Amino acid sequence: MTIALIVSSVLIWLLVLFIAFVLLGSLRSTALLRWRLEQLEATTPSRLGRNGLRPGKKAPSFRLPSVVGAEAALADHAGRRVFLVFVQTGCGPCSAVVPDLNRLHREGKYQLLVVNNADRDKAREWVNEHNAEFPVLIQEKWVVSKRYEVIATPFAFLIDEKGIVKSKGIVNSKEQIGFVLNGRGGKALADHDEPETDEAAGSESNGSVSHSQAKEVQHV
């Protein structure tokens, strides 16, 4: 009788663990699906230059002034994996993910670079207000965003040691940051494209850039 009770208890616990495992997997799958739907919504209508430079492409080089005054370039971090994040002042989700970006910066596994579209005073105010510990670079008139084909913020790219975009996506939360870092935002091509010709860091694309919003996601 005792053996039967023990066996029954073990089976019940195994069943409970199995159900918990299935539920956890379902929740994660749902979160991933929701993230991809958010990206579709943020970049619709989809057209060239709206949904982020695709994985497998050479990451365009740039050199920008930082909030602390010194200039910094993507090339300064050659040989390291770079997590490049585009933000802008006044963007709620951009401010919300600062603590998660701070943790990522402290871990040191990736070189974190954040590009803020603002003038120096507003960018410095954003850094101080949100206690940002990571390097914040300053762009004007979306000059670098245009080259990375970014229209939404916060939007991130994972760039490998060879300067190739490995993954991309909106990063409104710690979980979404993890999706991009894990390559969920698009798999790089086995045979990537030839490197693009780099333009001067201060060059600008012709034409106007529209501004709109989608559920607090800020658009260029």
C-alpha atoms as a PDB file:
ATOM      1  CA  MET A   1       0.000   0.000   0.000  1.00  0.00           C
ATOM      2  CA  THR A   2       2.826   2.372   0.950  1.00  0.00           C
ATOM      3  CA  ILE A   3       4.695   1.644  -2.297  1.00  0.00           C
ATOM      4  CA  ALA A   4       1.552   2.341  -4.281  1.00  0.00           C
ATOM      5  CA  LEU A   5       1.163   5.745  -2.565  1.00  0.00           C
ATOM      6  CA  ILE A   6       4.802   6.635  -3.244  1.00  0.00           C
ATOM      7  CA  VAL A   7       4.482   5.670  -6.896  1.00  0.00           C
ATOM      8  CA  SER A   8       1.253   7.681  -7.188  1.00  0.00           C
ATOM      9  CA  SER A   9       2.886  10.732  -5.584  1.00  0.00           C
ATOM     10  CA  VAL A  10       5.885  10.511  -7.923  1.00  0.00           C
ATOM     11  CA  LEU A  11       3.636  10.224 -10.953  1.00  0.00           C
ATOM     12  CA  ILE A  12       1.567  13.203  -9.831  1.00  0.00           C
ATOM     13  CA  TRP A  13       4.694  15.338  -9.349  1.00  0.00           C
ATOM     14  CA  LEU A  14       6.037  14.281 -12.721  1.00  0.00           C
ATOM     15  CA  LEU A  15       2.738  15.265 -14.294  1.00  0.00           C
ATOM     16  CA  VAL A  16       2.813  18.645 -12.525  1.00  0.00           C
ATOM     17  CA  LEU A  17       6.390  19.280 -13.699  1.00  0.00           C
ATOM     18  CA  PHE A  18       5.490  18.302 -17.254  1.00  0.00           C
ATOM     19  CA  ILE A  19       2.508  20.669 -17.289  1.00  0.00           C
ATOM     20  CA  ALA A  20       4.667  23.487 -15.864  1.00  0.00           C
ATOM     21  CA  PHE A  21       7.300  22.861 -18.536  1.00  0.00           C
ATOM     22  CA  VAL A  22       4.689  22.978 -21.298  1.00  0.00           C
ATOM     23  CA  LEU A  23       3.152  26.174 -19.908  1.00  0.00           C
ATOM     24  CA  LEU A  24       6.571  27.852 -19.638  1.00  0.00           C
ATOM     25  CA  GLY A  25       7.345  26.985 -23.239  1.00  0.00           C
ATOM     26  CA  SER A  26       3.954  28.258 -24.367  1.00  0.00           C
ATOM     27  CA  LEU A  27       4.411  31.553 -22.526  1.00  0.00           C
ATOM     28  CA  ARG A  28       7.832  32.088 -24.079  1.00  0.00           C
ATOM     29  CA  SER A  29       6.511  31.281 -27.538  1.00  0.00           C
ATOM     30  CA  THR A  30       3.645  33.704 -26.996  1.00  0.00           C
ATOM     31  CA  ALA A  31       6.070  36.436 -25.903  1.00  0.00           C
ATOM     32  CA  LEU A  32       8.207  35.866 -28.998  1.00  0.00           C
ATOM     33  CA  LEU A  33       5.152  35.997 -31.256  1.00  0.00           C
ATOM     34  CA  ARG A  34       3.931  39.185 -29.575  1.00  0.00           C
ATOM     35  CA  TRP A  35       7.370  40.778 -30.064  1.00  0.00           C
ATOM     36  CA  ARG A  36       7.354  39.949 -33.766  1.00  0.00           C
ATOM     37  CA  LEU A  37       3.844  41.355 -34.138  1.00  0.00           C
ATOM     38  CA  GLU A  38       4.990  44.569 -32.442  1.00  0.00           C
ATOM     39  CA  GLN A  39       7.796  44.865 -34.973  1.00  0.00           C
ATOM     40  CA  LEU A  40       5.404  44.315 -37.857  1.00  0.00           C
ATOM     41  CA  GLU A  41       3.110  46.998 -36.497  1.00  0.00           C
ATOM     42  CA  ALA A  42       5.988  49.429 -35.949  1.00  0.00           C
ATOM     43  CA  THR A  43       7.391  49.001 -39.454  1.00  0.00           C
ATOM     44  CA  THR A  44       4.137  48.806 -41.450  1.00  0.00           C
ATOM     45  CA  PRO A  45       3.743  49.640 -44.277  1.00  0.00           C
ATOM     46  CA  SER A  46       6.944  47.713 -44.966  1.00  0.00           C
ATOM     47  CA  ARG A  47       9.257  49.092 -47.583  1.00  0.00           C
ATOM     48  CA  LEU A  48      12.990  49.437 -48.166  1.00  0.00           C
ATOM     49  CA  GLY A  49      14.545  51.578 -45.487  1.00  0.00           C
ATOM     50  CA  ARG A  50      11.850  51.100 -42.838  1.00  0.00           C
ATOM     51  CA  ASN A  51      12.399  47.860 -40.952  1.00  0.00           C
ATOM     52  CA  GLY A  52      16.103  47.865 -40.130  1.00  0.00           C
ATOM     53  CA  LEU A  53      19.205  46.728 -41.958  1.00  0.00           C
ATOM     54  CA  ARG A  54      18.782  43.006 -42.539  1.00  0.00           C
ATOM     55  CA  PRO A  55      21.053  40.398 -40.923  1.00  0.00           C
ATOM     56  CA  GLY A  56      23.996  39.385 -43.065  1.00  0.00           C
ATOM     57  CA  LYS A  57      24.738  42.947 -44.160  1.00  0.00           C
ATOM     58  CA  LYS A  58      27.891  44.832 -43.272  1.00  0.00           C
ATOM     59  CA  ALA A  59      27.168  47.273 -40.444  1.00  0.00           C
ATOM     60  CA  PRO A  60      27.742  50.833 -41.756  1.00  0.00           C
ATOM     61  CA  SER A  61      30.594  52.595 -40.022  1.00  0.00           C
ATOM     62  CA  PHE A  62      30.081  55.884 -38.208  1.00  0.00           C
ATOM     63  CA  ARG A  63      31.838  58.345 -35.930  1.00  0.00           C
ATOM     64  CA  LEU A  64      29.787  60.481 -33.574  1.00  0.00           C
ATOM     65  CA  PRO A  65      30.342  62.801 -30.609  1.00  0.00           C
ATOM     66  CA  SER A  66      29.448  61.372 -27.234  1.00  0.00           C
ATOM     67  CA  VAL A  67      27.639  62.985 -24.322  1.00  0.00           C
ATOM     68  CA  VAL A  68      30.953  63.268 -22.466  1.00  0.00           C
ATOM     69  CA  GLY A  69      32.477  65.152 -25.408  1.00  0.00           C
ATOM     70  CA  ALA A  70      34.898  62.718 -27.017  1.00  0.00           C
ATOM     71  CA  GLU A  71      34.079  61.169 -30.381  1.00  0.00           C
ATOM     72  CA  ALA A  72      33.584  57.426 -30.786  1.00  0.00           C
ATOM     73  CA  ALA A  73      33.343  55.165 -33.818  1.00  0.00           C
ATOM     74  CA  LEU A  74      32.001  51.697 -34.486  1.00  0.00           C
ATOM     75  CA  ALA A  75      35.468  50.785 -35.789  1.00  0.00           C
ATOM     76  CA  ASP A  76      36.894  51.446 -32.308  1.00  0.00           C
ATOM     77  CA  HIS A  77      35.334  48.147 -31.228  1.00  0.00           C
ATOM     78  CA  ALA A  78      36.439  45.916 -34.104  1.00  0.00           C
ATOM     79  CA  GLY A  79      36.869  42.331 -32.939  1.00  0.00           C
ATOM     80  CA  ARG A  80      34.132  42.627 -30.313  1.00  0.00           C
ATOM     81  CA  ARG A  81      30.437  41.902 -30.437  1.00  0.00           C
ATOM     82  CA  VAL A  82      28.582  45.206 -30.397  1.00  0.00           C
ATOM     83  CA  PHE A  83      25.017  45.758 -29.212  1.00  0.00           C
ATOM     84  CA  LEU A  84      23.955  48.957 -30.990  1.00  0.00           C
ATOM     85  CA  VAL A  85      20.751  50.596 -29.734  1.00  0.00           C
ATOM     86  CA  PHE A  86      18.938  53.574 -31.268  1.00  0.00           C
ATOM     87  CA  VAL A  87      16.918  55.760 -28.877  1.00  0.00           C
ATOM     88  CA  GLN A  88      15.528  59.260 -28.742  1.00  0.00           C
ATOM     89  CA  THR A  89      14.570  61.668 -25.991  1.00  0.00           C
ATOM     90  CA  GLY A  90      10.872  61.664 -25.216  1.00  0.00           C
ATOM     91  CA  CYS A  91      10.532  57.953 -26.058  1.00  0.00           C
ATOM     92  CA  GLY A  92       8.924  56.161 -23.094  1.00  0.00           C
ATOM     93  CA  PRO A  93      10.134  52.627 -23.934  1.00  0.00           C
ATOM     94  CA  CYS A  94      13.676  53.973 -24.493  1.00  0.00           C
ATOM     95  CA  SER A  95      13.752  55.266 -20.925  1.00  0.00           C
ATOM     96  CA  ALA A  96      12.164  52.100 -19.536  1.00  0.00           C
ATOM     97  CA  VAL A  97      14.931  49.790 -20.813  1.00  0.00           C
ATOM     98  CA  VAL A  98      17.826  51.848 -19.397  1.00  0.00           C
ATOM     99  CA  PRO A  99      18.161  49.647 -16.255  1.00  0.00           C
ATOM    100  CA  ASP A 100      18.359  46.538 -18.454  1.00  0.00           C
ATOM    101  CA  LEU A 101      20.946  48.204 -20.693  1.00  0.00           C
ATOM    102  CA  ASN A 102      22.920  49.209 -17.595  1.00  0.00           C
ATOM    103  CA  ARG A 103      23.029  45.563 -16.485  1.00  0.00           C
ATOM    104  CA  LEU A 104      24.141  44.461 -19.945  1.00  0.00           C
ATOM    105  CA  HIS A 105      26.878  47.108 -19.897  1.00  0.00           C
ATOM    106  CA  ARG A 106      28.132  45.957 -16.468  1.00  0.00           C
ATOM    107  CA  GLU A 107      28.303  42.328 -17.575  1.00  0.00           C
ATOM    108  CA  GLY A 108      30.784  43.311 -20.283  1.00  0.00           C
ATOM    109  CA  LYS A 109      29.913  40.455 -22.607  1.00  0.00           C
ATOM    110  CA  TYR A 110      28.976  42.894 -25.375  1.00  0.00           C
ATOM    111  CA  GLN A 111      30.179  46.361 -26.239  1.00  0.00           C
ATOM    112  CA  LEU A 112      27.077  48.479 -25.753  1.00  0.00           C
ATOM    113  CA  LEU A 113      26.683  51.620 -27.878  1.00  0.00           C
ATOM    114  CA  VAL A 114      23.562  53.769 -27.665  1.00  0.00           C
ATOM    115  CA  VAL A 115      22.820  56.414 -30.291  1.00  0.00           C
ATOM    116  CA  ASN A 116      20.445  59.169 -29.216  1.00  0.00           C
ATOM    117  CA  ASN A 117      18.845  61.508 -31.741  1.00  0.00           C
ATOM    118  CA  ALA A 118      19.070  64.801 -29.882  1.00  0.00           C
ATOM    119  CA  ASP A 119      21.269  67.829 -29.376  1.00  0.00           C
ATOM    120  CA  ARG A 120      24.057  67.564 -26.788  1.00  0.00           C
ATOM    121  CA  ASP A 121      22.153  69.286 -23.961  1.00  0.00           C
ATOM    122  CA  LYS A 122      19.059  67.120 -24.331  1.00  0.00           C
ATOM    123  CA  ALA A 123      21.126  63.957 -24.685  1.00  0.00           C
ATOM    124  CA  ARG A 124      23.091  64.825 -21.519  1.00  0.00           C
ATOM    125  CA  GLU A 125      19.838  65.537 -19.703  1.00  0.00           C
ATOM    126  CA  TRP A 126      18.496  62.120 -20.803  1.00  0.00           C
ATOM    127  CA  VAL A 127      21.633  60.378 -19.510  1.00  0.00           C
ATOM    128  CA  ASN A 128      21.509  62.142 -16.144  1.00  0.00           C
ATOM    129  CA  GLU A 129      17.764  61.728 -15.676  1.00  0.00           C
ATOM    130  CA  HIS A 130      17.849  57.976 -16.291  1.00  0.00           C
ATOM    131  CA  ASN A 131      21.291  57.270 -14.776  1.00  0.00           C
ATOM    132  CA  ALA A 132      22.608  55.718 -17.980  1.00  0.00           C
ATOM    133  CA  GLU A 133      26.005  54.078 -17.363  1.00  0.00           C
ATOM    134  CA  PHE A 134      26.745  53.082 -20.965  1.00  0.00           C
ATOM    135  CA  PRO A 135      28.290  55.161 -23.785  1.00  0.00           C
ATOM    136  CA  VAL A 136      25.711  57.459 -25.399  1.00  0.00           C
ATOM    137  CA  LEU A 137      26.520  58.944 -28.789  1.00  0.00           C
ATOM    138  CA  ILE A 138      24.699  61.874 -30.371  1.00  0.00           C
ATOM    139  CA  GLN A 139      23.291  61.992 -33.903  1.00  0.00           C
ATOM    140  CA  GLU A 140      21.344  64.793 -35.542  1.00  0.00           C
ATOM    141  CA  LYS A 141      18.684  64.546 -38.229  1.00  0.00           C
ATOM    142  CA  TRP A 142      18.762  60.739 -37.984  1.00  0.00           C
ATOM    143  CA  VAL A 143      21.989  60.615 -40.026  1.00  0.00           C
ATOM    144  CA  VAL A 144      23.058  57.173 -38.708  1.00  0.00           C
ATOM    145  CA  SER A 145      19.515  55.833 -38.286  1.00  0.00           C
ATOM    146  CA  LYS A 146      18.946  56.323 -42.025  1.00  0.00           C
ATOM    147  CA  ARG A 147      22.005  54.245 -42.869  1.00  0.00           C
ATOM    148  CA  TYR A 148      20.766  51.454 -40.596  1.00  0.00           C
ATOM    149  CA  GLU A 149      17.241  51.794 -42.053  1.00  0.00           C
ATOM    150  CA  VAL A 150      15.725  52.316 -38.606  1.00  0.00           C
ATOM    151  CA  ILE A 151      12.347  53.954 -38.120  1.00  0.00           C
ATOM    152  CA  ALA A 152      11.441  52.794 -34.587  1.00  0.00           C
ATOM    153  CA  THR A 153      12.999  53.300 -31.160  1.00  0.00           C
ATOM    154  CA  PRO A 154      14.243  51.635 -29.080  1.00  0.00           C
ATOM    155  CA  PHE A 155      15.659  49.452 -31.861  1.00  0.00           C
ATOM    156  CA  ALA A 156      18.805  47.337 -31.569  1.00  0.00           C
ATOM    157  CA  PHE A 157      21.304  45.503 -33.747  1.00  0.00           C
ATOM    158  CA  LEU A 158      23.685  42.741 -32.712  1.00  0.00           C
ATOM    159  CA  ILE A 159      26.919  43.149 -34.704  1.00  0.00           C
ATOM    160  CA  ASP A 160      29.508  40.373 -34.658  1.00  0.00           C
ATOM    161  CA  GLU A 161      33.295  40.578 -34.378  1.00  0.00           C
ATOM    162  CA  LYS A 162      33.632  40.974 -38.157  1.00  0.00           C
ATOM    163  CA  GLY A 163      31.201  43.879 -38.330  1.00  0.00           C
ATOM    164  CA  ILE A 164      28.273  41.882 -39.739  1.00  0.00           C
ATOM    165  CA  VAL A 165      24.708  42.408 -38.534  1.00  0.00           C
ATOM    166  CA  LYS A 166      23.599  39.156 -36.886  1.00  0.00           C
ATOM    167  CA  SER A 167      20.221  40.124 -35.464  1.00  0.00           C
ATOM    168  CA  LYS A 168      17.910  43.105 -35.035  1.00  0.00           C
ATOM    169  CA  GLY A 169      14.636  44.144 -33.457  1.00  0.00           C
ATOM    170  CA  ILE A 170      12.620  46.388 -31.208  1.00  0.00           C
ATOM    171  CA  VAL A 171      13.808  46.205 -27.585  1.00  0.00           C
ATOM    172  CA  ASN A 172      11.004  47.448 -25.350  1.00  0.00           C
ATOM    173  CA  SER A 173      11.919  45.067 -22.501  1.00  0.00           C
ATOM    174  CA  LYS A 174      14.631  42.818 -21.038  1.00  0.00           C
ATOM    175  CA  GLU A 175      12.986  39.859 -22.746  1.00  0.00           C
ATOM    176  CA  GLN A 176      13.086  41.549 -26.151  1.00  0.00           C
ATOM    177  CA  ILE A 177      16.740  42.483 -25.618  1.00  0.00           C
ATOM    178  CA  GLY A 178      17.337  38.779 -25.034  1.00  0.00           C
ATOM    179  CA  PHE A 179      15.556  37.905 -28.289  1.00  0.00           C
ATOM    180  CA  VAL A 180      17.954  40.087 -30.281  1.00  0.00           C
ATOM    181  CA  LEU A 181      21.033  38.847 -28.394  1.00  0.00           C
ATOM    182  CA  ASN A 182      19.960  35.248 -29.027  1.00  0.00           C
ATOM    183  CA  GLY A 183      19.580  35.857 -32.755  1.00  0.00           C
ATOM    184  CA  ARG A 184      15.768  35.672 -32.794  1.00  0.00           C
ATOM    185  CA  GLY A 185      15.606  38.913 -34.761  1.00  0.00           C
ATOM    186  CA  GLY A 186      16.730  37.272 -37.995  1.00  0.00           C
ATOM    187  CA  LYS A 187      19.433  34.782 -38.849  1.00  0.00           C
ATOM    188  CA  ALA A 188      22.489  36.038 -40.657  1.00  0.00           C
ATOM    189  CA  LEU A 189      23.075  34.612 -44.122  1.00  0.00           C
ATOM    190  CA  ALA A 190      25.745  31.952 -44.480  1.00  0.00           C
ATOM    191  CA  ASP A 191      27.279  33.902 -47.369  1.00  0.00           C
ATOM    192  CA  HIS A 192      26.771  37.515 -46.434  1.00  0.00           C
ATOM    193  CA  ASP A 193      26.736  40.419 -48.828  1.00  0.00           C
ATOM    194  CA  GLU A 194      29.745  42.347 -49.939  1.00  0.00           C
ATOM    195  CA  PRO A 195      30.541  45.257 -47.608  1.00  0.00           C
ATOM    196  CA  GLU A 196      28.823  48.478 -48.538  1.00  0.00           C
ATOM    197  CA  THR A 197      30.796  51.585 -49.404  1.00  0.00           C
ATOM    198  CA  ASP A 198      30.988  53.704 -46.245  1.00  0.00           C
ATOM    199  CA  GLU A 199      29.846  57.273 -46.421  1.00  0.00           C
ATOM    200  CA  ALA A 200      31.217  60.098 -44.367  1.00  0.00           C
ATOM    201  CA  ALA A 201      29.874  60.028 -40.827  1.00  0.00           C
ATOM    202  CA  GLY A 202      28.290  63.442 -41.255  1.00  0.00           C
ATOM    203  CA  SER A 203      26.540  62.750 -44.550  1.00  0.00           C
ATOM    204  CA  GLU A 204      22.754  62.839 -44.772  1.00  0.00           C
ATOM    205  CA  SER A 205      20.194  61.151 -46.973  1.00  0.00           C
ATOM    206  CA  ASN A 206      18.081  63.347 -49.218  1.00  0.00           C
ATOM    207  CA  GLY A 207      14.395  63.698 -48.618  1.00  0.00           C
ATOM    208  CA  SER A 208      12.276  64.239 -45.549  1.00  0.00           C
ATOM    209  CA  VAL A 209      11.664  61.755 -42.767  1.00  0.00           C
ATOM    210  CA  SER A 210       8.125  61.389 -41.449  1.00  0.00           C
ATOM    211  CA  HIS A 211       7.286  61.140 -37.763  1.00  0.00           C
ATOM    212  CA  SER A 212       4.513  58.898 -36.406  1.00  0.00           C
ATOM    213  CA  GLN A 213       3.750  56.679 -33.438  1.00  0.00           C
ATOM    214  CA  ALA A 214       2.501  53.164 -32.774  1.00  0.00           C
ATOM    215  CA  LYS A 215       1.743  52.216 -29.180  1.00  0.00           C
ATOM    216  CA  GLU A 216       4.511  54.375 -27.705  1.00  0.00           C
ATOM    217  CA  VAL A 217       7.021  53.117 -30.261  1.00  0.00           C
ATOM    218  CA  GLN A 218       8.693  56.212 -31.647  1.00  0.00           C
ATOM    219  CA  HIS A 219       9.247  56.403 -35.412  1.00  0.00           C
ATOM    220  CA  VAL A 220      11.614  58.369 -37.550  1.00  0.00           C
END
